[in-house]
Amino acid sequence: MCLGIPGKVVEIRQQDDVPMGKVEFGGILKEVCLAYTPEARVGDYVLVHVGFAISIIDEAEAHETMNFLREIEAEMSNLPQSDVAKPQADFQPLIPNP
């Protein structure tokens, strides 16, 4: 099983003939390979797994997925600490709150 995180394409460029882009995840920008989604355009939402955009999704689906991930994070905060792995010192939430 893999977990794809939705993000919005804010920049596209070519790097050594490979489409690359900057994708925004709730205010955090990450470099993403767009080779599997060469039809992606600035403003599109993509599903990203390990640094690769694996599909283009619509805005409603992106927001629904982000909200679902926030719900999971909130539920995890209610678990006993002995059941939750300790985050690293430099941990940042995957999906920041807006």
PDB file of N, CA and C in Angstrom:
ATOM      1  N   MET A   1       0.841  -1.174   0.000  1.00  0.00           N
ATOM      2  CA  MET A   1       0.000   0.000   0.000  1.00  0.00           C
ATOM      3  C   MET A   1       0.890   1.243   0.000  1.00  0.00           C
ATOM      4  N   CYS A   2       0.478   2.245  -0.744  1.00  0.00           N
ATOM      5  CA  CYS A   2       1.222   3.497  -0.741  1.00  0.00           C
ATOM      6  C   CYS A   2       0.280   4.621  -0.346  1.00  0.00           C
ATOM      7  N   LEU A   3       0.856   5.704   0.111  1.00  0.00           N
ATOM      8  CA  LEU A   3       0.076   6.865   0.490  1.00  0.00           C
ATOM      9  C   LEU A   3       0.490   8.012  -0.413  1.00  0.00           C
ATOM     10  N   GLY A   4      -0.438   8.486  -1.216  1.00  0.00           N
ATOM     11  CA  GLY A   4      -0.188   9.638  -2.065  1.00  0.00           C
ATOM     12  C   GLY A   4      -0.742  10.878  -1.394  1.00  0.00           C
ATOM     13  N   ILE A   5       0.002  11.953  -1.438  1.00  0.00           N
ATOM     14  CA  ILE A   5      -0.388  13.208  -0.813  1.00  0.00           C
ATOM     15  C   ILE A   5      -0.725  14.214  -1.913  1.00  0.00           C
ATOM     16  N   PRO A   6      -1.899  14.863  -1.827  1.00  0.00           N
ATOM     17  CA  PRO A   6      -2.264  15.838  -2.854  1.00  0.00           C
ATOM     18  C   PRO A   6      -1.537  17.168  -2.667  1.00  0.00           C
ATOM     19  N   GLY A   7      -1.170  17.761  -3.786  1.00  0.00           N
ATOM     20  CA  GLY A   7      -0.542  19.070  -3.768  1.00  0.00           C
ATOM     21  C   GLY A   7      -0.852  19.818  -5.048  1.00  0.00           C
ATOM     22  N   LYS A   8      -0.614  21.125  -5.018  1.00  0.00           N
ATOM     23  CA  LYS A   8      -0.914  21.988  -6.165  1.00  0.00           C
ATOM     24  C   LYS A   8       0.379  22.363  -6.884  1.00  0.00           C
ATOM     25  N   VAL A   9       0.405  22.140  -8.191  1.00  0.00           N
ATOM     26  CA  VAL A   9       1.571  22.484  -9.010  1.00  0.00           C
ATOM     27  C   VAL A   9       1.647  24.006  -9.128  1.00  0.00           C
ATOM     28  N   VAL A  10       2.789  24.574  -8.719  1.00  0.00           N
ATOM     29  CA  VAL A  10       2.952  26.026  -8.791  1.00  0.00           C
ATOM     30  C   VAL A  10       4.043  26.448  -9.772  1.00  0.00           C
ATOM     31  N   GLU A  11       4.844  25.486 -10.224  1.00  0.00           N
ATOM     32  CA  GLU A  11       5.913  25.799 -11.183  1.00  0.00           C
ATOM     33  C   GLU A  11       6.291  24.522 -11.923  1.00  0.00           C
ATOM     34  N   ILE A  12       6.587  24.666 -13.216  1.00  0.00           N
ATOM     35  CA  ILE A  12       7.028  23.524 -14.024  1.00  0.00           C
ATOM     36  C   ILE A  12       8.257  23.940 -14.819  1.00  0.00           C
ATOM     37  N   ARG A  13       9.222  23.030 -14.897  1.00  0.00           N
ATOM     38  CA  ARG A  13      10.425  23.278 -15.694  1.00  0.00           C
ATOM     39  C   ARG A  13      10.980  21.936 -16.161  1.00  0.00           C
ATOM     40  N   GLN A  14      11.895  21.983 -17.084  1.00  0.00           N
ATOM     41  CA  GLN A  14      12.583  20.782 -17.573  1.00  0.00           C
ATOM     42  C   GLN A  14      13.955  20.707 -16.915  1.00  0.00           C
ATOM     43  N   GLN A  15      14.324  19.535 -16.475  1.00  0.00           N
ATOM     44  CA  GLN A  15      15.662  19.310 -15.929  1.00  0.00           C
ATOM     45  C   GLN A  15      16.210  18.060 -16.587  1.00  0.00           C
ATOM     46  N   ASP A  16      17.204  18.229 -17.447  1.00  0.00           N
ATOM     47  CA  ASP A  16      17.773  17.104 -18.198  1.00  0.00           C
ATOM     48  C   ASP A  16      16.683  16.343 -18.943  1.00  0.00           C
ATOM     49  N   ASP A  17      15.805  17.067 -19.617  1.00  0.00           N
ATOM     50  CA  ASP A  17      14.689  16.512 -20.398  1.00  0.00           C
ATOM     51  C   ASP A  17      13.655  15.769 -19.554  1.00  0.00           C
ATOM     52  N   VAL A  18      13.617  16.013 -18.260  1.00  0.00           N
ATOM     53  CA  VAL A  18      12.619  15.411 -17.371  1.00  0.00           C
ATOM     54  C   VAL A  18      11.753  16.537 -16.814  1.00  0.00           C
ATOM     55  N   PRO A  19      10.419  16.425 -16.944  1.00  0.00           N
ATOM     56  CA  PRO A  19       9.564  17.468 -16.375  1.00  0.00           C
ATOM     57  C   PRO A  19       9.599  17.427 -14.847  1.00  0.00           C
ATOM     58  N   MET A  20       9.933  18.557 -14.258  1.00  0.00           N
ATOM     59  CA  MET A  20      10.001  18.703 -12.805  1.00  0.00           C
ATOM     60  C   MET A  20       9.124  19.879 -12.414  1.00  0.00           C
ATOM     61  N   GLY A  21       8.705  19.908 -11.176  1.00  0.00           N
ATOM     62  CA  GLY A  21       7.885  21.021 -10.740  1.00  0.00           C
ATOM     63  C   GLY A  21       7.995  21.265  -9.258  1.00  0.00           C
ATOM     64  N   LYS A  22       7.548  22.448  -8.868  1.00  0.00           N
ATOM     65  CA  LYS A  22       7.384  22.746  -7.451  1.00  0.00           C
ATOM     66  C   LYS A  22       5.907  22.545  -7.150  1.00  0.00           C
ATOM     67  N   VAL A  23       5.659  21.780  -6.093  1.00  0.00           N
ATOM     68  CA  VAL A  23       4.291  21.465  -5.698  1.00  0.00           C
ATOM     69  C   VAL A  23       4.099  21.950  -4.268  1.00  0.00           C
ATOM     70  N   GLU A  24       2.966  22.614  -4.032  1.00  0.00           N
ATOM     71  CA  GLU A  24       2.654  23.156  -2.713  1.00  0.00           C
ATOM     72  C   GLU A  24       1.771  22.188  -1.941  1.00  0.00           C
ATOM     73  N   PHE A  25       2.196  21.908  -0.723  1.00  0.00           N
ATOM     74  CA  PHE A  25       1.443  21.064   0.192  1.00  0.00           C
ATOM     75  C   PHE A  25       1.108  21.915   1.410  1.00  0.00           C
ATOM     76  N   GLY A  26      -0.015  22.605   1.382  1.00  0.00           N
ATOM     77  CA  GLY A  26      -0.416  23.416   2.531  1.00  0.00           C
ATOM     78  C   GLY A  26       0.604  24.459   2.934  1.00  0.00           C
ATOM     79  N   GLY A  27       1.207  25.131   1.976  1.00  0.00           N
ATOM     80  CA  GLY A  27       2.183  26.172   2.264  1.00  0.00           C
ATOM     81  C   GLY A  27       3.627  25.714   2.200  1.00  0.00           C
ATOM     82  N   ILE A  28       3.860  24.420   2.100  1.00  0.00           N
ATOM     83  CA  ILE A  28       5.212  23.876   1.996  1.00  0.00           C
ATOM     84  C   ILE A  28       5.474  23.507   0.541  1.00  0.00           C
ATOM     85  N   LEU A  29       6.571  24.013  -0.024  1.00  0.00           N
ATOM     86  CA  LEU A  29       6.927  23.710  -1.409  1.00  0.00           C
ATOM     87  C   LEU A  29       7.935  22.573  -1.454  1.00  0.00           C
ATOM     88  N   LYS A  30       7.685  21.625  -2.348  1.00  0.00           N
ATOM     89  CA  LYS A  30       8.594  20.494  -2.540  1.00  0.00           C
ATOM     90  C   LYS A  30       8.856  20.316  -4.026  1.00  0.00           C
ATOM     91  N   GLU A  31      10.062  19.862  -4.346  1.00  0.00           N
ATOM     92  CA  GLU A  31      10.435  19.529  -5.720  1.00  0.00           C
ATOM     93  C   GLU A  31       9.858  18.153  -6.039  1.00  0.00           C
ATOM     94  N   VAL A  32       9.148  18.043  -7.171  1.00  0.00           N
ATOM     95  CA  VAL A  32       8.463  16.803  -7.538  1.00  0.00           C
ATOM     96  C   VAL A  32       8.753  16.483  -8.999  1.00  0.00           C
ATOM     97  N   CYS A  33       8.973  15.210  -9.286  1.00  0.00           N
ATOM     98  CA  CYS A  33       9.151  14.752 -10.660  1.00  0.00           C
ATOM     99  C   CYS A  33       7.773  14.585 -11.300  1.00  0.00           C
ATOM    100  N   LEU A  34       7.591  15.164 -12.477  1.00  0.00           N
ATOM    101  CA  LEU A  34       6.314  15.104 -13.194  1.00  0.00           C
ATOM    102  C   LEU A  34       6.373  14.158 -14.388  1.00  0.00           C
ATOM    103  N   ALA A  35       7.357  13.264 -14.431  1.00  0.00           N
ATOM    104  CA  ALA A  35       7.531  12.370 -15.582  1.00  0.00           C
ATOM    105  C   ALA A  35       6.318  11.472 -15.812  1.00  0.00           C
ATOM    106  N   TYR A  36       5.633  11.071 -14.739  1.00  0.00           N
ATOM    107  CA  TYR A  36       4.460  10.196 -14.888  1.00  0.00           C
ATOM    108  C   TYR A  36       3.190  10.977 -15.195  1.00  0.00           C
ATOM    109  N   THR A  37       3.259  12.299 -15.080  1.00  0.00           N
ATOM    110  CA  THR A  37       2.107  13.161 -15.365  1.00  0.00           C
ATOM    111  C   THR A  37       2.554  14.337 -16.230  1.00  0.00           C
ATOM    112  N   PRO A  38       3.106  14.068 -17.421  1.00  0.00           N
ATOM    113  CA  PRO A  38       3.649  15.154 -18.238  1.00  0.00           C
ATOM    114  C   PRO A  38       2.593  16.158 -18.695  1.00  0.00           C
ATOM    115  N   GLU A  39       1.317  15.765 -18.619  1.00  0.00           N
ATOM    116  CA  GLU A  39       0.240  16.673 -19.018  1.00  0.00           C
ATOM    117  C   GLU A  39      -0.141  17.654 -17.913  1.00  0.00           C
ATOM    118  N   ALA A  40       0.457  17.537 -16.733  1.00  0.00           N
ATOM    119  CA  ALA A  40       0.160  18.438 -15.612  1.00  0.00           C
ATOM    120  C   ALA A  40       0.551  19.867 -15.965  1.00  0.00           C
ATOM    121  N   ARG A  41      -0.273  20.790 -15.523  1.00  0.00           N
ATOM    122  CA  ARG A  41      -0.043  22.216 -15.765  1.00  0.00           C
ATOM    123  C   ARG A  41      -0.039  22.958 -14.435  1.00  0.00           C
ATOM    124  N   VAL A  42       0.545  24.155 -14.414  1.00  0.00           N
ATOM    125  CA  VAL A  42       0.504  24.998 -13.224  1.00  0.00           C
ATOM    126  C   VAL A  42      -0.963  25.207 -12.847  1.00  0.00           C
ATOM    127  N   GLY A  43      -1.255  25.010 -11.568  1.00  0.00           N
ATOM    128  CA  GLY A  43      -2.625  25.138 -11.071  1.00  0.00           C
ATOM    129  C   GLY A  43      -3.323  23.804 -10.894  1.00  0.00           C
ATOM    130  N   ASP A  44      -2.800  22.751 -11.536  1.00  0.00           N
ATOM    131  CA  ASP A  44      -3.376  21.411 -11.370  1.00  0.00           C
ATOM    132  C   ASP A  44      -3.020  20.856  -9.997  1.00  0.00           C
ATOM    133  N   TYR A  45      -3.861  19.951  -9.527  1.00  0.00           N
ATOM    134  CA  TYR A  45      -3.568  19.196  -8.307  1.00  0.00           C
ATOM    135  C   TYR A  45      -3.081  17.815  -8.717  1.00  0.00           C
ATOM    136  N   VAL A  46      -2.023  17.367  -8.050  1.00  0.00           N
ATOM    137  CA  VAL A  46      -1.457  16.054  -8.347  1.00  0.00           C
ATOM    138  C   VAL A  46      -1.362  15.251  -7.058  1.00  0.00           C
ATOM    139  N   LEU A  47      -1.379  13.942  -7.215  1.00  0.00           N
ATOM    140  CA  LEU A  47      -1.180  13.030  -6.098  1.00  0.00           C
ATOM    141  C   LEU A  47       0.286  12.616  -6.129  1.00  0.00           C
ATOM    142  N   VAL A  48       1.017  12.855  -5.036  1.00  0.00           N
ATOM    143  CA  VAL A  48       2.467  12.657  -5.004  1.00  0.00           C
ATOM    144  C   VAL A  48       2.820  11.519  -4.051  1.00  0.00           C
ATOM    145  N   HIS A  49       3.679  10.633  -4.540  1.00  0.00           N
ATOM    146  CA  HIS A  49       4.199   9.531  -3.723  1.00  0.00           C
ATOM    147  C   HIS A  49       5.709   9.485  -3.902  1.00  0.00           C
ATOM    148  N   VAL A  50       6.442   9.530  -2.815  1.00  0.00           N
ATOM    149  CA  VAL A  50       7.912   9.527  -2.777  1.00  0.00           C
ATOM    150  C   VAL A  50       8.555  10.433  -3.832  1.00  0.00           C
ATOM    151  N   GLY A  51       8.026  11.647  -3.956  1.00  0.00           N
ATOM    152  CA  GLY A  51       8.631  12.626  -4.842  1.00  0.00           C
ATOM    153  C   GLY A  51       8.209  12.567  -6.291  1.00  0.00           C
ATOM    154  N   PHE A  52       7.252  11.684  -6.621  1.00  0.00           N
ATOM    155  CA  PHE A  52       6.758  11.562  -7.992  1.00  0.00           C
ATOM    156  C   PHE A  52       5.263  11.850  -8.023  1.00  0.00           C
ATOM    157  N   ALA A  53       4.841  12.717  -8.949  1.00  0.00           N
ATOM    158  CA  ALA A  53       3.410  12.920  -9.175  1.00  0.00           C
ATOM    159  C   ALA A  53       2.910  11.699  -9.935  1.00  0.00           C
ATOM    160  N   ILE A  54       1.960  10.962  -9.335  1.00  0.00           N
ATOM    161  CA  ILE A  54       1.507   9.713  -9.952  1.00  0.00           C
ATOM    162  C   ILE A  54       0.165   9.856 -10.650  1.00  0.00           C
ATOM    163  N   SER A  55      -0.566  10.943 -10.379  1.00  0.00           N
ATOM    164  CA  SER A  55      -1.812  11.196 -11.105  1.00  0.00           C
ATOM    165  C   SER A  55      -2.243  12.636 -10.880  1.00  0.00           C
ATOM    166  N   ILE A  56      -3.070  13.109 -11.796  1.00  0.00           N
ATOM    167  CA  ILE A  56      -3.680  14.428 -11.673  1.00  0.00           C
ATOM    168  C   ILE A  56      -5.067  14.208 -11.081  1.00  0.00           C
ATOM    169  N   ILE A  57      -5.420  15.013 -10.081  1.00  0.00           N
ATOM    170  CA  ILE A  57      -6.738  14.894  -9.455  1.00  0.00           C
ATOM    171  C   ILE A  57      -7.420  16.252  -9.477  1.00  0.00           C
ATOM    172  N   ASP A  58      -8.746  16.244  -9.300  1.00  0.00           N
ATOM    173  CA  ASP A  58      -9.435  17.535  -9.296  1.00  0.00           C
ATOM    174  C   ASP A  58      -9.317  18.191  -7.915  1.00  0.00           C
ATOM    175  N   GLU A  59      -9.605  19.483  -7.878  1.00  0.00           N
ATOM    176  CA  GLU A  59      -9.428  20.266  -6.655  1.00  0.00           C
ATOM    177  C   GLU A  59     -10.277  19.729  -5.508  1.00  0.00           C
ATOM    178  N   ALA A  60     -11.509  19.321  -5.794  1.00  0.00           N
ATOM    179  CA  ALA A  60     -12.392  18.805  -4.740  1.00  0.00           C
ATOM    180  C   ALA A  60     -11.806  17.548  -4.104  1.00  0.00           C
ATOM    181  N   GLU A  61     -11.295  16.645  -4.928  1.00  0.00           N
ATOM    182  CA  GLU A  61     -10.685  15.418  -4.404  1.00  0.00           C
ATOM    183  C   GLU A  61      -9.440  15.741  -3.579  1.00  0.00           C
ATOM    184  N   ALA A  62      -8.660  16.723  -4.032  1.00  0.00           N
ATOM    185  CA  ALA A  62      -7.457  17.117  -3.291  1.00  0.00           C
ATOM    186  C   ALA A  62      -7.830  17.625  -1.903  1.00  0.00           C
ATOM    187  N   HIS A  63      -8.827  18.502  -1.824  1.00  0.00           N
ATOM    188  CA  HIS A  63      -9.241  19.052  -0.529  1.00  0.00           C
ATOM    189  C   HIS A  63      -9.851  17.973   0.364  1.00  0.00           C
ATOM    190  N   GLU A  64     -10.626  17.085  -0.222  1.00  0.00           N
ATOM    191  CA  GLU A  64     -11.225  15.992   0.548  1.00  0.00           C
ATOM    192  C   GLU A  64     -10.135  15.102   1.153  1.00  0.00           C
ATOM    193  N   THR A  65      -9.120  14.790   0.366  1.00  0.00           N
ATOM    194  CA  THR A  65      -8.023  13.951   0.853  1.00  0.00           C
ATOM    195  C   THR A  65      -7.233  14.663   1.946  1.00  0.00           C
ATOM    196  N   MET A  66      -6.945  15.962   1.765  1.00  0.00           N
ATOM    197  CA  MET A  66      -6.209  16.713   2.783  1.00  0.00           C
ATOM    198  C   MET A  66      -6.996  16.759   4.094  1.00  0.00           C
ATOM    199  N   ASN A  67      -8.308  16.960   4.004  1.00  0.00           N
ATOM    200  CA  ASN A  67      -9.139  16.977   5.211  1.00  0.00           C
ATOM    201  C   ASN A  67      -9.123  15.619   5.899  1.00  0.00           C
ATOM    202  N   PHE A  68      -9.186  14.545   5.126  1.00  0.00           N
ATOM    203  CA  PHE A  68      -9.140  13.200   5.685  1.00  0.00           C
ATOM    204  C   PHE A  68      -7.814  12.963   6.412  1.00  0.00           C
ATOM    205  N   LEU A  69      -6.703  13.401   5.816  1.00  0.00           N
ATOM    206  CA  LEU A  69      -5.396  13.238   6.453  1.00  0.00           C
ATOM    207  C   LEU A  69      -5.304  14.045   7.745  1.00  0.00           C
ATOM    208  N   ARG A  70      -5.908  15.243   7.779  1.00  0.00           N
ATOM    209  CA  ARG A  70      -5.939  16.037   9.013  1.00  0.00           C
ATOM    210  C   ARG A  70      -6.743  15.320  10.097  1.00  0.00           C
ATOM    211  N   GLU A  71      -7.851  14.676   9.696  1.00  0.00           N
ATOM    212  CA  GLU A  71      -8.658  13.917  10.658  1.00  0.00           C
ATOM    213  C   GLU A  71      -7.846  12.767  11.251  1.00  0.00           C
ATOM    214  N   ILE A  72      -7.093  12.075  10.415  1.00  0.00           N
ATOM    215  CA  ILE A  72      -6.251  10.980  10.905  1.00  0.00           C
ATOM    216  C   ILE A  72      -5.236  11.520  11.911  1.00  0.00           C
ATOM    217  N   GLU A  73      -4.605  12.636  11.568  1.00  0.00           N
ATOM    218  CA  GLU A  73      -3.612  13.231  12.462  1.00  0.00           C
ATOM    219  C   GLU A  73      -4.251  13.622  13.795  1.00  0.00           C
ATOM    220  N   ALA A  74      -5.463  14.184  13.750  1.00  0.00           N
ATOM    221  CA  ALA A  74      -6.161  14.567  14.982  1.00  0.00           C
ATOM    222  C   ALA A  74      -6.488  13.338  15.827  1.00  0.00           C
ATOM    223  N   GLU A  75      -6.941  12.269  15.194  1.00  0.00           N
ATOM    224  CA  GLU A  75      -7.256  11.037  15.926  1.00  0.00           C
ATOM    225  C   GLU A  75      -6.007  10.440  16.559  1.00  0.00           C
ATOM    226  N   MET A  76      -4.904  10.516  15.848  1.00  0.00           N
ATOM    227  CA  MET A  76      -3.659   9.979  16.397  1.00  0.00           C
ATOM    228  C   MET A  76      -3.227  10.752  17.635  1.00  0.00           C
ATOM    229  N   SER A  77      -3.548  12.044  17.690  1.00  0.00           N
ATOM    230  CA  SER A  77      -3.166  12.834  18.864  1.00  0.00           C
ATOM    231  C   SER A  77      -3.968  12.420  20.094  1.00  0.00           C
ATOM    232  N   ASN A  78      -5.081  11.704  19.895  1.00  0.00           N
ATOM    233  CA  ASN A  78      -5.896  11.226  21.013  1.00  0.00           C
ATOM    234  C   ASN A  78      -5.457   9.858  21.530  1.00  0.00           C
ATOM    235  N   LEU A  79      -4.537   9.199  20.833  1.00  0.00           N
ATOM    236  CA  LEU A  79      -4.067   7.883  21.263  1.00  0.00           C
ATOM    237  C   LEU A  79      -3.140   8.015  22.468  1.00  0.00           C
ATOM    238  N   PRO A  80      -3.093   6.994  23.311  1.00  0.00           N
ATOM    239  CA  PRO A  80      -2.105   7.016  24.398  1.00  0.00           C
ATOM    240  C   PRO A  80      -0.699   7.122  23.805  1.00  0.00           C
ATOM    241  N   GLN A  81       0.146   7.923  24.422  1.00  0.00           N
ATOM    242  CA  GLN A  81       1.487   8.164  23.884  1.00  0.00           C
ATOM    243  C   GLN A  81       2.296   6.887  23.720  1.00  0.00           C
ATOM    244  N   SER A  82       2.002   5.873  24.507  1.00  0.00           N
ATOM    245  CA  SER A  82       2.731   4.612  24.370  1.00  0.00           C
ATOM    246  C   SER A  82       2.407   3.906  23.058  1.00  0.00           C
ATOM    247  N   ASP A  83       1.272   4.278  22.418  1.00  0.00           N
ATOM    248  CA  ASP A  83       0.863   3.667  21.153  1.00  0.00           C
ATOM    249  C   ASP A  83       1.333   4.450  19.934  1.00  0.00           C
ATOM    250  N   VAL A  84       1.973   5.580  20.158  1.00  0.00           N
ATOM    251  CA  VAL A  84       2.348   6.468  19.059  1.00  0.00           C
ATOM    252  C   VAL A  84       3.871   6.575  18.991  1.00  0.00           C
ATOM    253  N   ALA A  85       4.418   6.406  17.790  1.00  0.00           N
ATOM    254  CA  ALA A  85       5.861   6.579  17.601  1.00  0.00           C
ATOM    255  C   ALA A  85       6.223   8.030  17.863  1.00  0.00           C
ATOM    256  N   LYS A  86       7.342   8.250  18.474  1.00  0.00           N
ATOM    257  CA  LYS A  86       7.803   9.605  18.773  1.00  0.00           C
ATOM    258  C   LYS A  86       8.335  10.261  17.503  1.00  0.00           C
ATOM    259  N   PRO A  87       7.872  11.497  17.196  1.00  0.00           N
ATOM    260  CA  PRO A  87       8.393  12.180  16.008  1.00  0.00           C
ATOM    261  C   PRO A  87       9.836  12.616  16.221  1.00  0.00           C
ATOM    262  N   GLN A  88      10.535  12.758  15.126  1.00  0.00           N
ATOM    263  CA  GLN A  88      11.900  13.263  15.182  1.00  0.00           C
ATOM    264  C   GLN A  88      11.860  14.731  15.582  1.00  0.00           C
ATOM    265  N   ALA A  89      12.986  15.243  16.060  1.00  0.00           N
ATOM    266  CA  ALA A  89      13.054  16.626  16.525  1.00  0.00           C
ATOM    267  C   ALA A  89      12.682  17.618  15.429  1.00  0.00           C
ATOM    268  N   ASP A  90      13.007  17.316  14.174  1.00  0.00           N
ATOM    269  CA  ASP A  90      12.738  18.239  13.073  1.00  0.00           C
ATOM    270  C   ASP A  90      11.439  17.906  12.338  1.00  0.00           C
ATOM    271  N   PHE A  91      10.544  17.144  12.973  1.00  0.00           N
ATOM    272  CA  PHE A  91       9.292  16.722  12.352  1.00  0.00           C
ATOM    273  C   PHE A  91       8.417  17.918  12.006  1.00  0.00           C
ATOM    274  N   GLN A  92       7.851  17.888  10.791  1.00  0.00           N
ATOM    275  CA  GLN A  92       6.847  18.864  10.373  1.00  0.00           C
ATOM    276  C   GLN A  92       5.634  18.082   9.916  1.00  0.00           C
ATOM    277  N   PRO A  93       4.415  18.526  10.283  1.00  0.00           N
ATOM    278  CA  PRO A  93       3.223  17.817   9.816  1.00  0.00           C
ATOM    279  C   PRO A  93       3.215  17.748   8.297  1.00  0.00           C
ATOM    280  N   LEU A  94       2.737  16.630   7.769  1.00  0.00           N
ATOM    281  CA  LEU A  94       2.683  16.439   6.328  1.00  0.00           C
ATOM    282  C   LEU A  94       1.711  17.417   5.687  1.00  0.00           C
ATOM    283  N   ILE A  95       0.569  17.588   6.321  1.00  0.00           N
ATOM    284  CA  ILE A  95      -0.454  18.498   5.818  1.00  0.00           C
ATOM    285  C   ILE A  95      -0.675  19.583   6.865  1.00  0.00           C
ATOM    286  N   PRO A  96      -0.017  20.746   6.727  1.00  0.00           N
ATOM    287  CA  PRO A  96      -0.197  21.817   7.707  1.00  0.00           C
ATOM    288  C   PRO A  96      -1.634  22.319   7.713  1.00  0.00           C
ATOM    289  N   ASN A  97      -2.066  22.818   8.850  1.00  0.00           N
ATOM    290  CA  ASN A  97      -3.392  23.426   8.922  1.00  0.00           C
ATOM    291  C   ASN A  97      -3.366  24.749   8.183  1.00  0.00           C
ATOM    292  N   PRO A  98      -4.451  25.058   7.466  1.00  0.00           N
ATOM    293  CA  PRO A  98      -4.474  26.319   6.700  1.00  0.00           C
ATOM    294  C   PRO A  98      -4.497  27.529   7.597  1.00  0.00           C
TER     295      PRO A  98
END
